[in-house]
Protein backbone atom coordinates (compact mmCIF):
# COMPACT_ATOMS: atom_id res chain seq x y z
CA MET A 1 25.62 -21.74 45.61
CA MET A 2 25.07 -22.02 42.19
CA TRP A 3 26.15 -19.38 39.70
CA GLY A 4 23.24 -18.48 37.18
CA TYR A 5 20.01 -19.58 38.72
CA ASP A 6 17.17 -17.26 39.00
CA GLY A 7 14.73 -19.45 40.46
CA PHE A 8 12.69 -20.42 37.41
CA GLY A 9 14.94 -22.79 35.54
CA PHE A 10 15.76 -21.26 32.98
CA GLY A 11 19.41 -19.46 33.14
CA GLY A 12 20.67 -17.35 30.78
CA GLY A 13 19.94 -18.80 27.88
CA GLY A 14 15.66 -19.09 28.64
CA MET A 15 16.38 -15.20 29.22
CA GLY A 16 17.78 -14.94 25.36
CA ILE A 17 15.38 -16.60 23.91
CA GLY A 18 12.99 -14.94 25.57
CA MET A 19 14.43 -11.29 24.18
CA LEU A 20 15.03 -13.07 20.95
CA LEU A 21 10.72 -13.48 20.52
CA PHE A 22 10.22 -10.21 22.69
CA TRP A 23 12.22 -8.17 19.91
CA GLY A 24 10.55 -10.63 17.06
CA LEU A 25 6.89 -9.58 17.97
CA ILE A 26 8.02 -6.41 17.78
CA ILE A 27 8.94 -5.96 14.36
CA PHE A 28 6.24 -8.36 12.51
CA GLY A 29 4.32 -6.05 14.21
CA VAL A 30 5.84 -2.63 13.26
CA VAL A 31 6.59 -4.13 9.62
CA MET A 32 2.19 -5.16 9.60
CA LEU A 33 1.36 -1.42 10.84
CA ALA A 34 3.16 -0.12 7.43
CA ARG A 35 2.02 -3.07 5.18
CA GLY A 36 -1.17 -2.44 6.79
CA PHE A 37 -1.16 1.58 6.09
CA GLY A 38 0.88 1.65 3.05
CA GLY A 39 -1.82 0.32 1.16
CA SER A 40 -2.92 -3.03 -1.25
CA SER A 41 -1.02 -2.06 -3.84
CA GLY A 42 -0.82 -6.71 -5.05
CA SER A 43 -4.86 -6.30 -4.54
CA GLY A 44 -6.52 -6.94 -7.64
CA ALA A 45 -8.82 -4.58 -7.08
CA SER A 46 -7.13 -1.83 -7.94
CA VAL A 47 -5.69 -3.29 -11.36
CA ALA A 48 -9.26 -3.88 -12.60
CA ALA A 49 -10.20 -0.58 -12.00
CA LEU A 50 -7.56 1.49 -14.29
CA ARG A 51 -8.89 -1.50 -16.78
CA ASP A 52 -12.37 -0.54 -16.71
CA ARG A 53 -11.43 3.46 -17.46
CA THR A 54 -12.07 4.81 -21.21
CA PRO A 55 -9.73 6.54 -23.06
CA LEU A 56 -12.47 9.50 -22.50
CA ASP A 57 -12.02 8.36 -18.77
CA VAL A 58 -7.97 9.33 -19.16
CA LEU A 59 -9.00 12.36 -20.75
CA GLY A 60 -11.63 14.21 -18.61
CA GLU A 61 -8.96 13.34 -15.83
CA ARG A 62 -6.18 15.29 -17.87
CA TYR A 63 -9.02 18.16 -18.34
CA ALA A 64 -10.56 18.55 -14.90
CA ARG A 65 -6.50 18.50 -13.87
CA GLY A 66 -5.52 21.11 -15.88
CA GLU A 67 -3.41 19.17 -18.29
CA ILE A 68 -5.42 20.61 -21.16
CA GLY A 69 -7.42 23.53 -22.12
CA ASN A 70 -11.02 23.38 -23.13
CA ALA A 71 -10.25 24.13 -26.88
CA GLU A 72 -8.15 20.52 -26.51
CA PHE A 73 -10.39 18.79 -24.39
CA ALA A 74 -12.65 19.71 -27.06
CA GLN A 75 -10.65 18.15 -30.12
CA LYS A 76 -9.77 15.34 -28.40
CA ARG A 77 -13.77 14.42 -27.73
CA ASN A 78 -14.15 14.93 -31.27
CA ASP A 79 -11.15 13.04 -32.45
CA LEU A 80 -12.51 10.33 -30.07
CA GLY A 81 -16.10 10.27 -31.41
CA ALA A 82 -17.77 11.11 -28.21
CA LYS A 83 -21.20 12.57 -28.52
CA THR A 84 -20.67 16.67 -27.01
CA SER A 85 -23.44 16.96 -24.46
């Protein structure tokens, strides 16, 4: 009788390689899913969007978030030389 022979010719070594490939693919899939759902931190689009914002845009965002009040917003807008609408 031949020990370790399962009829397919692989024996114990083939099963070990198969398990490594199986778990490697599982880990690879999890990493790819995590990268996909994590956002694109390396893309140039977000850098370009930040570069295109003007100081008045940033001021308006701070006012909208409530970081600065109406009087401070108006003063800083005048300091930036923006036209009042």
